[in-house]
Structure formats: structure tokens, C-alpha cells
N, C-alpha and C. Protein backbone atom coordinates (compact mmCIF):
# COMPACT_ATOMS: atom_id res chain seq x y z
N UNK A 1 -67.75 -60.02 -77.01
CA UNK A 1 -67.74 -60.77 -75.77
C UNK A 1 -68.90 -61.76 -75.82
N UNK A 2 -68.61 -63.00 -75.52
CA UNK A 2 -69.63 -64.03 -75.45
C UNK A 2 -69.96 -64.34 -74.00
N UNK A 3 -71.22 -64.64 -73.74
CA UNK A 3 -71.67 -65.01 -72.40
C UNK A 3 -72.49 -66.29 -72.51
N UNK A 4 -72.12 -67.29 -71.69
CA UNK A 4 -72.88 -68.53 -71.59
C UNK A 4 -73.54 -68.52 -70.21
N UNK A 5 -74.80 -68.03 -70.12
CA UNK A 5 -75.41 -67.80 -68.81
C UNK A 5 -75.85 -69.08 -68.10
N UNK A 6 -75.74 -69.03 -66.79
CA UNK A 6 -76.21 -70.09 -65.91
C UNK A 6 -76.33 -69.52 -64.51
N UNK A 7 -77.16 -70.13 -63.68
CA UNK A 7 -77.35 -69.58 -62.34
C UNK A 7 -76.25 -69.97 -61.38
N UNK A 8 -75.55 -71.08 -61.66
CA UNK A 8 -74.44 -71.48 -60.78
C UNK A 8 -73.09 -71.29 -61.43
N UNK A 9 -73.03 -71.25 -62.75
CA UNK A 9 -71.77 -71.01 -63.47
C UNK A 9 -72.09 -70.30 -64.77
N UNK A 10 -71.51 -69.13 -64.95
CA UNK A 10 -71.69 -68.36 -66.18
C UNK A 10 -70.33 -68.15 -66.82
N UNK A 11 -70.18 -68.62 -68.05
CA UNK A 11 -68.92 -68.45 -68.75
C UNK A 11 -68.91 -67.15 -69.51
N UNK A 12 -67.70 -66.58 -69.63
CA UNK A 12 -67.54 -65.41 -70.49
C UNK A 12 -66.26 -65.59 -71.30
N UNK A 13 -66.25 -64.99 -72.47
CA UNK A 13 -65.08 -65.04 -73.34
C UNK A 13 -64.99 -63.76 -74.13
N UNK A 14 -63.78 -63.24 -74.23
CA UNK A 14 -63.55 -62.00 -74.97
C UNK A 14 -62.52 -62.29 -76.06
N UNK A 15 -62.88 -61.98 -77.29
CA UNK A 15 -61.96 -62.11 -78.42
C UNK A 15 -61.97 -60.81 -79.21
N UNK A 16 -60.88 -60.57 -79.92
CA UNK A 16 -60.79 -59.41 -80.82
C UNK A 16 -60.67 -59.94 -82.24
N UNK A 17 -61.31 -59.25 -83.16
CA UNK A 17 -61.22 -59.61 -84.57
C UNK A 17 -60.31 -58.60 -85.27
N UNK A 18 -59.34 -59.14 -85.98
CA UNK A 18 -58.45 -58.33 -86.82
C UNK A 18 -58.53 -58.91 -88.22
N UNK A 19 -59.43 -58.35 -89.04
CA UNK A 19 -59.68 -58.93 -90.36
C UNK A 19 -60.25 -60.32 -90.17
N UNK A 20 -59.66 -61.32 -90.83
CA UNK A 20 -60.17 -62.68 -90.67
C UNK A 20 -59.66 -63.38 -89.40
N UNK A 21 -58.72 -62.76 -88.72
CA UNK A 21 -58.09 -63.37 -87.55
C UNK A 21 -58.85 -63.06 -86.26
N UNK A 22 -58.94 -64.05 -85.39
CA UNK A 22 -59.49 -63.86 -84.05
C UNK A 22 -58.36 -63.99 -83.05
N UNK A 23 -58.34 -63.09 -82.06
CA UNK A 23 -57.31 -63.14 -81.02
C UNK A 23 -57.99 -63.25 -79.66
N UNK A 24 -57.56 -64.23 -78.89
CA UNK A 24 -58.08 -64.43 -77.54
C UNK A 24 -57.62 -63.29 -76.64
N UNK A 25 -58.55 -62.72 -75.88
CA UNK A 25 -58.23 -61.65 -74.93
C UNK A 25 -58.36 -62.18 -73.50
N UNK A 26 -59.50 -62.78 -73.19
CA UNK A 26 -59.73 -63.26 -71.82
C UNK A 26 -60.90 -64.24 -71.82
N UNK A 27 -60.93 -65.07 -70.81
CA UNK A 27 -62.09 -65.94 -70.58
C UNK A 27 -62.11 -66.33 -69.11
N UNK A 28 -63.27 -66.80 -68.68
CA UNK A 28 -63.39 -67.24 -67.30
C UNK A 28 -64.79 -67.72 -67.00
N UNK A 29 -64.98 -68.11 -65.76
CA UNK A 29 -66.28 -68.59 -65.30
C UNK A 29 -66.63 -67.88 -64.00
N UNK A 30 -67.79 -67.28 -63.96
CA UNK A 30 -68.29 -66.64 -62.74
C UNK A 30 -69.11 -67.68 -61.98
N UNK A 31 -68.76 -67.91 -60.72
CA UNK A 31 -69.45 -68.92 -59.89
C UNK A 31 -69.92 -68.27 -58.60
N UNK A 32 -71.17 -67.81 -58.56
CA UNK A 32 -71.67 -67.15 -57.35
C UNK A 32 -71.83 -68.08 -56.15
N UNK A 33 -71.85 -69.38 -56.35
CA UNK A 33 -71.97 -70.32 -55.24
C UNK A 33 -73.30 -71.03 -55.23
N UNK A 34 -73.27 -72.32 -55.02
CA UNK A 34 -74.49 -73.15 -55.04
C UNK A 34 -75.36 -72.93 -53.82
N UNK A 35 -74.78 -72.74 -52.66
CA UNK A 35 -75.56 -72.62 -51.44
C UNK A 35 -76.18 -71.26 -51.23
N UNK A 36 -75.95 -70.35 -52.15
CA UNK A 36 -76.45 -68.98 -52.02
C UNK A 36 -77.84 -68.90 -52.67
N UNK A 37 -78.74 -68.14 -52.08
CA UNK A 37 -80.09 -67.97 -52.62
C UNK A 37 -80.04 -67.35 -54.01
N UNK A 38 -81.02 -67.69 -54.83
CA UNK A 38 -81.05 -67.24 -56.22
C UNK A 38 -80.91 -65.72 -56.38
N UNK A 39 -81.62 -64.89 -55.62
CA UNK A 39 -81.45 -63.44 -55.81
C UNK A 39 -80.00 -62.98 -55.60
N UNK A 40 -79.31 -63.57 -54.62
CA UNK A 40 -77.92 -63.19 -54.38
C UNK A 40 -77.00 -63.71 -55.49
N UNK A 41 -77.30 -64.91 -56.02
CA UNK A 41 -76.50 -65.42 -57.14
C UNK A 41 -76.66 -64.52 -58.36
N UNK A 42 -77.89 -64.09 -58.63
CA UNK A 42 -78.13 -63.21 -59.78
C UNK A 42 -77.46 -61.86 -59.59
N UNK A 43 -77.48 -61.34 -58.36
CA UNK A 43 -76.80 -60.06 -58.08
C UNK A 43 -75.29 -60.21 -58.27
N UNK A 44 -74.73 -61.32 -57.82
CA UNK A 44 -73.29 -61.56 -58.00
C UNK A 44 -72.95 -61.71 -59.47
N UNK A 45 -73.83 -62.36 -60.23
CA UNK A 45 -73.64 -62.51 -61.66
C UNK A 45 -73.65 -61.15 -62.35
N UNK A 46 -74.60 -60.31 -62.01
CA UNK A 46 -74.67 -58.96 -62.59
C UNK A 46 -73.40 -58.18 -62.28
N UNK A 47 -72.97 -58.21 -61.05
CA UNK A 47 -71.76 -57.49 -60.65
C UNK A 47 -70.54 -58.01 -61.40
N UNK A 48 -70.40 -59.33 -61.48
CA UNK A 48 -69.25 -59.91 -62.17
C UNK A 48 -69.24 -59.59 -63.65
N UNK A 49 -70.39 -59.69 -64.31
CA UNK A 49 -70.45 -59.37 -65.74
C UNK A 49 -70.16 -57.90 -65.99
N UNK A 50 -70.68 -57.02 -65.14
CA UNK A 50 -70.41 -55.59 -65.31
C UNK A 50 -68.92 -55.30 -65.15
N UNK A 51 -68.24 -56.00 -64.23
CA UNK A 51 -66.80 -55.82 -64.07
C UNK A 51 -66.05 -56.25 -65.32
N UNK A 52 -66.42 -57.40 -65.89
CA UNK A 52 -65.76 -57.89 -67.10
C UNK A 52 -66.01 -56.92 -68.26
N UNK A 53 -67.23 -56.43 -68.38
CA UNK A 53 -67.55 -55.47 -69.44
C UNK A 53 -66.74 -54.19 -69.27
N UNK A 54 -66.65 -53.70 -68.05
CA UNK A 54 -65.86 -52.48 -67.79
C UNK A 54 -64.40 -52.69 -68.14
N UNK A 55 -63.86 -53.84 -67.76
CA UNK A 55 -62.43 -54.12 -67.99
C UNK A 55 -62.09 -54.26 -69.46
N UNK A 56 -62.95 -54.94 -70.23
CA UNK A 56 -62.60 -55.27 -71.61
C UNK A 56 -63.31 -54.42 -72.66
N UNK A 57 -64.31 -53.65 -72.28
CA UNK A 57 -65.02 -52.74 -73.19
C UNK A 57 -65.34 -53.37 -74.55
N UNK A 58 -66.12 -54.45 -74.56
CA UNK A 58 -66.46 -55.08 -75.84
C UNK A 58 -67.37 -54.19 -76.68
N UNK A 59 -67.35 -54.41 -77.98
CA UNK A 59 -68.22 -53.65 -78.87
C UNK A 59 -69.59 -54.29 -79.01
N UNK A 60 -69.66 -55.59 -78.74
CA UNK A 60 -70.91 -56.34 -78.86
C UNK A 60 -70.89 -57.48 -77.86
N UNK A 61 -72.06 -57.88 -77.41
CA UNK A 61 -72.20 -59.02 -76.50
C UNK A 61 -73.06 -60.07 -77.20
N UNK A 62 -72.61 -61.31 -77.16
CA UNK A 62 -73.34 -62.42 -77.76
C UNK A 62 -73.80 -63.35 -76.64
N UNK A 63 -75.10 -63.68 -76.66
CA UNK A 63 -75.70 -64.55 -75.65
C UNK A 63 -76.45 -65.66 -76.37
N UNK A 64 -76.33 -66.89 -75.85
CA UNK A 64 -77.09 -68.00 -76.42
C UNK A 64 -78.58 -67.75 -76.29
N UNK A 65 -79.31 -68.06 -77.36
CA UNK A 65 -80.76 -68.00 -77.34
C UNK A 65 -81.28 -69.15 -76.47
N UNK A 66 -82.42 -68.97 -75.85
CA UNK A 66 -82.98 -69.99 -74.98
C UNK A 66 -83.30 -71.25 -75.77
N UNK A 67 -83.02 -72.38 -75.15
CA UNK A 67 -83.39 -73.66 -75.73
C UNK A 67 -84.32 -74.36 -74.74
N UNK A 68 -84.91 -75.46 -75.13
CA UNK A 68 -85.81 -76.19 -74.25
C UNK A 68 -84.97 -76.86 -73.16
N UNK A 69 -85.29 -76.60 -71.92
CA UNK A 69 -84.56 -77.18 -70.80
C UNK A 69 -85.21 -78.48 -70.36
N UNK A 70 -84.50 -79.20 -69.47
CA UNK A 70 -85.00 -80.49 -68.99
C UNK A 70 -86.27 -80.34 -68.16
N UNK A 71 -86.41 -79.22 -67.46
CA UNK A 71 -87.59 -79.00 -66.62
C UNK A 71 -88.00 -77.54 -66.69
N UNK A 72 -89.23 -77.28 -66.31
CA UNK A 72 -89.72 -75.90 -66.31
C UNK A 72 -88.91 -75.04 -65.35
N UNK A 73 -88.54 -75.59 -64.18
CA UNK A 73 -87.76 -74.83 -63.20
C UNK A 73 -86.39 -74.46 -63.78
N UNK A 74 -85.73 -75.41 -64.44
CA UNK A 74 -84.44 -75.13 -65.06
C UNK A 74 -84.56 -74.03 -66.11
N UNK A 75 -85.62 -74.09 -66.91
CA UNK A 75 -85.83 -73.08 -67.94
C UNK A 75 -86.03 -71.70 -67.33
N UNK A 76 -86.79 -71.63 -66.23
CA UNK A 76 -87.03 -70.34 -65.58
C UNK A 76 -85.75 -69.76 -64.99
N UNK A 77 -84.97 -70.59 -64.33
CA UNK A 77 -83.72 -70.11 -63.72
C UNK A 77 -82.74 -69.68 -64.80
N UNK A 78 -82.63 -70.46 -65.88
CA UNK A 78 -81.75 -70.08 -66.99
C UNK A 78 -82.22 -68.77 -67.60
N UNK A 79 -83.52 -68.60 -67.75
CA UNK A 79 -84.07 -67.36 -68.29
C UNK A 79 -83.72 -66.16 -67.42
N UNK A 80 -83.72 -66.36 -66.11
CA UNK A 80 -83.34 -65.26 -65.20
C UNK A 80 -81.87 -64.91 -65.36
N UNK A 81 -81.01 -65.92 -65.50
CA UNK A 81 -79.58 -65.67 -65.70
C UNK A 81 -79.35 -64.97 -67.04
N UNK A 82 -80.08 -65.38 -68.07
CA UNK A 82 -79.98 -64.71 -69.38
C UNK A 82 -80.41 -63.25 -69.26
N UNK A 83 -81.48 -63.01 -68.50
CA UNK A 83 -81.96 -61.65 -68.29
C UNK A 83 -80.90 -60.78 -67.64
N UNK A 84 -80.18 -61.34 -66.68
CA UNK A 84 -79.09 -60.60 -66.03
C UNK A 84 -78.00 -60.28 -67.04
N UNK A 85 -77.64 -61.24 -67.89
CA UNK A 85 -76.61 -61.01 -68.91
C UNK A 85 -77.05 -59.91 -69.88
N UNK A 86 -78.30 -59.97 -70.30
CA UNK A 86 -78.82 -58.95 -71.22
C UNK A 86 -78.86 -57.58 -70.54
N UNK A 87 -79.23 -57.55 -69.27
CA UNK A 87 -79.28 -56.28 -68.52
C UNK A 87 -77.88 -55.70 -68.35
N UNK A 88 -76.89 -56.55 -68.09
CA UNK A 88 -75.50 -56.07 -67.95
C UNK A 88 -75.05 -55.40 -69.24
N UNK A 89 -75.36 -56.01 -70.38
CA UNK A 89 -74.98 -55.42 -71.67
C UNK A 89 -75.75 -54.13 -71.92
N UNK A 90 -77.05 -54.15 -71.66
CA UNK A 90 -77.88 -52.97 -71.90
C UNK A 90 -77.48 -51.81 -71.00
N UNK A 91 -77.03 -52.11 -69.78
CA UNK A 91 -76.64 -51.03 -68.86
C UNK A 91 -75.42 -50.28 -69.35
N UNK A 92 -74.68 -50.89 -70.28
CA UNK A 92 -73.50 -50.23 -70.88
C UNK A 92 -73.77 -49.85 -72.33
N UNK A 93 -75.04 -49.90 -72.73
CA UNK A 93 -75.48 -49.53 -74.08
C UNK A 93 -74.76 -50.34 -75.16
N UNK A 94 -74.53 -51.63 -74.90
CA UNK A 94 -73.85 -52.50 -75.86
C UNK A 94 -74.86 -53.20 -76.76
N UNK A 95 -74.49 -53.39 -78.01
CA UNK A 95 -75.30 -54.17 -78.93
C UNK A 95 -75.29 -55.62 -78.45
N UNK A 96 -76.43 -56.29 -78.58
CA UNK A 96 -76.55 -57.69 -78.17
C UNK A 96 -76.97 -58.52 -79.38
N UNK A 97 -76.31 -59.64 -79.56
CA UNK A 97 -76.67 -60.60 -80.60
C UNK A 97 -77.02 -61.91 -79.90
N UNK A 98 -78.04 -62.58 -80.38
CA UNK A 98 -78.45 -63.86 -79.81
C UNK A 98 -78.43 -64.92 -80.91
N UNK A 99 -77.85 -66.07 -80.59
CA UNK A 99 -77.77 -67.18 -81.53
C UNK A 99 -78.20 -68.46 -80.83
N UNK A 100 -78.81 -69.35 -81.59
CA UNK A 100 -79.17 -70.67 -81.06
C UNK A 100 -77.90 -71.47 -80.84
N UNK A 101 -77.87 -72.32 -79.81
CA UNK A 101 -76.68 -73.15 -79.57
C UNK A 101 -76.26 -73.94 -80.81
N UNK A 102 -77.23 -74.45 -81.57
CA UNK A 102 -76.89 -75.23 -82.77
C UNK A 102 -76.20 -74.37 -83.83
N UNK A 103 -76.57 -73.09 -83.95
CA UNK A 103 -75.90 -72.19 -84.90
C UNK A 103 -74.44 -71.99 -84.51
N UNK A 104 -74.20 -71.80 -83.23
CA UNK A 104 -72.85 -71.57 -82.73
C UNK A 104 -71.99 -72.82 -82.97
N UNK A 105 -72.54 -73.98 -82.62
CA UNK A 105 -71.80 -75.24 -82.81
C UNK A 105 -71.50 -75.48 -84.29
N UNK A 106 -72.47 -75.18 -85.16
CA UNK A 106 -72.27 -75.36 -86.60
C UNK A 106 -71.13 -74.48 -87.09
N UNK A 107 -71.09 -73.23 -86.64
CA UNK A 107 -70.05 -72.30 -87.08
C UNK A 107 -68.67 -72.68 -86.57
N UNK A 108 -68.60 -73.18 -85.34
CA UNK A 108 -67.30 -73.45 -84.72
C UNK A 108 -66.78 -74.86 -85.01
N UNK A 109 -67.67 -75.85 -84.92
CA UNK A 109 -67.25 -77.25 -85.05
C UNK A 109 -67.59 -77.83 -86.42
N UNK A 110 -68.63 -77.29 -87.05
CA UNK A 110 -69.04 -77.82 -88.35
C UNK A 110 -70.28 -78.69 -88.28
N UNK A 111 -70.81 -78.88 -87.07
CA UNK A 111 -72.05 -79.62 -86.90
C UNK A 111 -72.84 -79.01 -85.75
N UNK A 112 -74.12 -78.84 -85.95
CA UNK A 112 -74.97 -78.23 -84.93
C UNK A 112 -75.23 -79.11 -83.74
N UNK A 113 -74.82 -80.38 -83.83
CA UNK A 113 -75.04 -81.31 -82.71
C UNK A 113 -73.74 -81.65 -81.98
N UNK A 114 -72.74 -80.79 -82.11
CA UNK A 114 -71.44 -81.04 -81.46
C UNK A 114 -71.59 -81.12 -79.95
N UNK A 115 -70.75 -81.93 -79.34
CA UNK A 115 -70.74 -82.07 -77.88
C UNK A 115 -69.92 -80.95 -77.25
N UNK A 116 -70.08 -80.77 -75.95
CA UNK A 116 -69.30 -79.75 -75.24
C UNK A 116 -67.80 -80.02 -75.37
N UNK A 117 -67.33 -81.28 -75.22
CA UNK A 117 -65.89 -81.52 -75.41
C UNK A 117 -65.40 -81.18 -76.83
N UNK A 118 -66.24 -81.40 -77.84
CA UNK A 118 -65.86 -81.02 -79.20
C UNK A 118 -65.73 -79.51 -79.34
N UNK A 119 -66.65 -78.76 -78.72
CA UNK A 119 -66.58 -77.30 -78.74
C UNK A 119 -65.32 -76.84 -78.02
N UNK A 120 -65.03 -77.42 -76.86
CA UNK A 120 -63.82 -77.06 -76.12
C UNK A 120 -62.57 -77.27 -76.97
N UNK A 121 -62.48 -78.43 -77.60
CA UNK A 121 -61.30 -78.75 -78.40
C UNK A 121 -61.15 -77.78 -79.58
N UNK A 122 -62.23 -77.49 -80.27
CA UNK A 122 -62.15 -76.61 -81.43
C UNK A 122 -61.83 -75.18 -81.03
N UNK A 123 -62.42 -74.69 -79.95
CA UNK A 123 -62.12 -73.33 -79.46
C UNK A 123 -60.64 -73.24 -79.10
N UNK A 124 -60.12 -74.27 -78.44
CA UNK A 124 -58.70 -74.30 -78.06
C UNK A 124 -57.82 -74.20 -79.30
N UNK A 125 -58.16 -74.96 -80.33
CA UNK A 125 -57.39 -74.96 -81.57
C UNK A 125 -57.51 -73.63 -82.31
N UNK A 126 -58.73 -73.16 -82.51
CA UNK A 126 -58.95 -71.94 -83.28
C UNK A 126 -58.30 -70.71 -82.65
N UNK A 127 -58.29 -70.66 -81.32
CA UNK A 127 -57.73 -69.49 -80.63
C UNK A 127 -56.28 -69.71 -80.19
N UNK A 128 -55.73 -70.88 -80.46
CA UNK A 128 -54.34 -71.16 -80.10
C UNK A 128 -54.08 -71.12 -78.61
N UNK A 129 -55.02 -71.64 -77.82
CA UNK A 129 -54.88 -71.62 -76.37
C UNK A 129 -53.95 -72.74 -75.90
N UNK A 130 -53.21 -72.49 -74.84
CA UNK A 130 -52.29 -73.48 -74.30
C UNK A 130 -53.03 -74.64 -73.65
N UNK A 131 -54.20 -74.36 -73.06
CA UNK A 131 -55.00 -75.43 -72.47
C UNK A 131 -56.48 -75.14 -72.70
N UNK A 132 -57.26 -76.21 -72.64
CA UNK A 132 -58.69 -76.07 -72.87
C UNK A 132 -59.35 -75.23 -71.79
N UNK A 133 -60.21 -74.30 -72.18
CA UNK A 133 -60.98 -73.56 -71.17
C UNK A 133 -62.07 -74.46 -70.58
N UNK A 134 -62.57 -74.11 -69.42
CA UNK A 134 -63.70 -74.82 -68.83
C UNK A 134 -64.88 -74.78 -69.81
N UNK A 135 -65.80 -75.72 -69.67
CA UNK A 135 -66.91 -75.84 -70.63
C UNK A 135 -67.71 -74.56 -70.80
N UNK A 136 -68.07 -73.91 -69.70
CA UNK A 136 -68.87 -72.69 -69.80
C UNK A 136 -68.09 -71.58 -70.50
N UNK A 137 -66.81 -71.46 -70.20
CA UNK A 137 -65.98 -70.44 -70.85
C UNK A 137 -65.78 -70.78 -72.32
N UNK A 138 -65.60 -72.06 -72.64
CA UNK A 138 -65.45 -72.47 -74.04
C UNK A 138 -66.71 -72.14 -74.84
N UNK A 139 -67.87 -72.40 -74.26
CA UNK A 139 -69.12 -72.05 -74.93
C UNK A 139 -69.21 -70.55 -75.17
N UNK A 140 -68.77 -69.76 -74.21
CA UNK A 140 -68.81 -68.30 -74.35
C UNK A 140 -67.82 -67.84 -75.43
N UNK A 141 -66.65 -68.46 -75.50
CA UNK A 141 -65.66 -68.10 -76.52
C UNK A 141 -66.13 -68.50 -77.92
N UNK A 142 -66.92 -69.58 -78.00
CA UNK A 142 -67.41 -70.06 -79.29
C UNK A 142 -68.29 -69.01 -79.94
């Protein structure tokens, strides 16, 4: 299960591996709401991620490693959302893997500087999806 954490939108994606083949199971975006105070958004994020984990019982959770944000405030809020994602996985005793965004893009698209639309298109192709997932969900599926 992949998680693309954010305080207003957190993407998740679940895939199964069968040998060299990947099969899409589920994906979505958790949106606690912009007008809601940060503690309530984080609580909603924790609840939503725990529900997804319970439903799909992944063997491992993958979370993007922190990158430099545009502002210190953005970095702190993103770090809090990442902490919630890590806590959700740890509360179910799941293994966690962390990768830099550039590593994920390199593996999926072939270049570490790929754009979000390029990631969306490649995820759609690789998983044989009928339509492109939202950006946050595509990042989580990647």
C-alpha cells in the first residue's frame, strides 16, 4: 500500500504483486476538509488510513520521504501528515518503506524529474486503469 501524505488531501493506493505482475486493488484520496482545524484533519486522516489498512490488509506500507517544501510551515504540516501515516502503519505492526520522490519517479516513469501528469499517465498504463487516478492517488500507486 502506498500513501502520499498531505494535510488537505492524502492519496492511497493498493496493489498486489504476482511474480513480475502488478494488479490494481484500490485507490483513493482522503480529504478531511480545508476549513477544519489541523488537529481534526489529522485525526480524520488517521481514521481514514486505519480503515483502508483494515479493509485491504497490506503487507507493507510505502510513504514518500520528506523533501524540501516551499516554506517552513508547509514542511511542518507535511511532516505531521507523514507522522500520521507512519503511526497508522505502526499501529497495525506493518513494515514501512520510505523512498524519495525522485526514486519513485525514476522507477515508474524513467526519470527522477517526471511531472505529476507523467506519473499519472504511466501509473494508468502500467496498472491498466480505465481512467487516470487523481494526482495524490496516482503518486500513492506509483
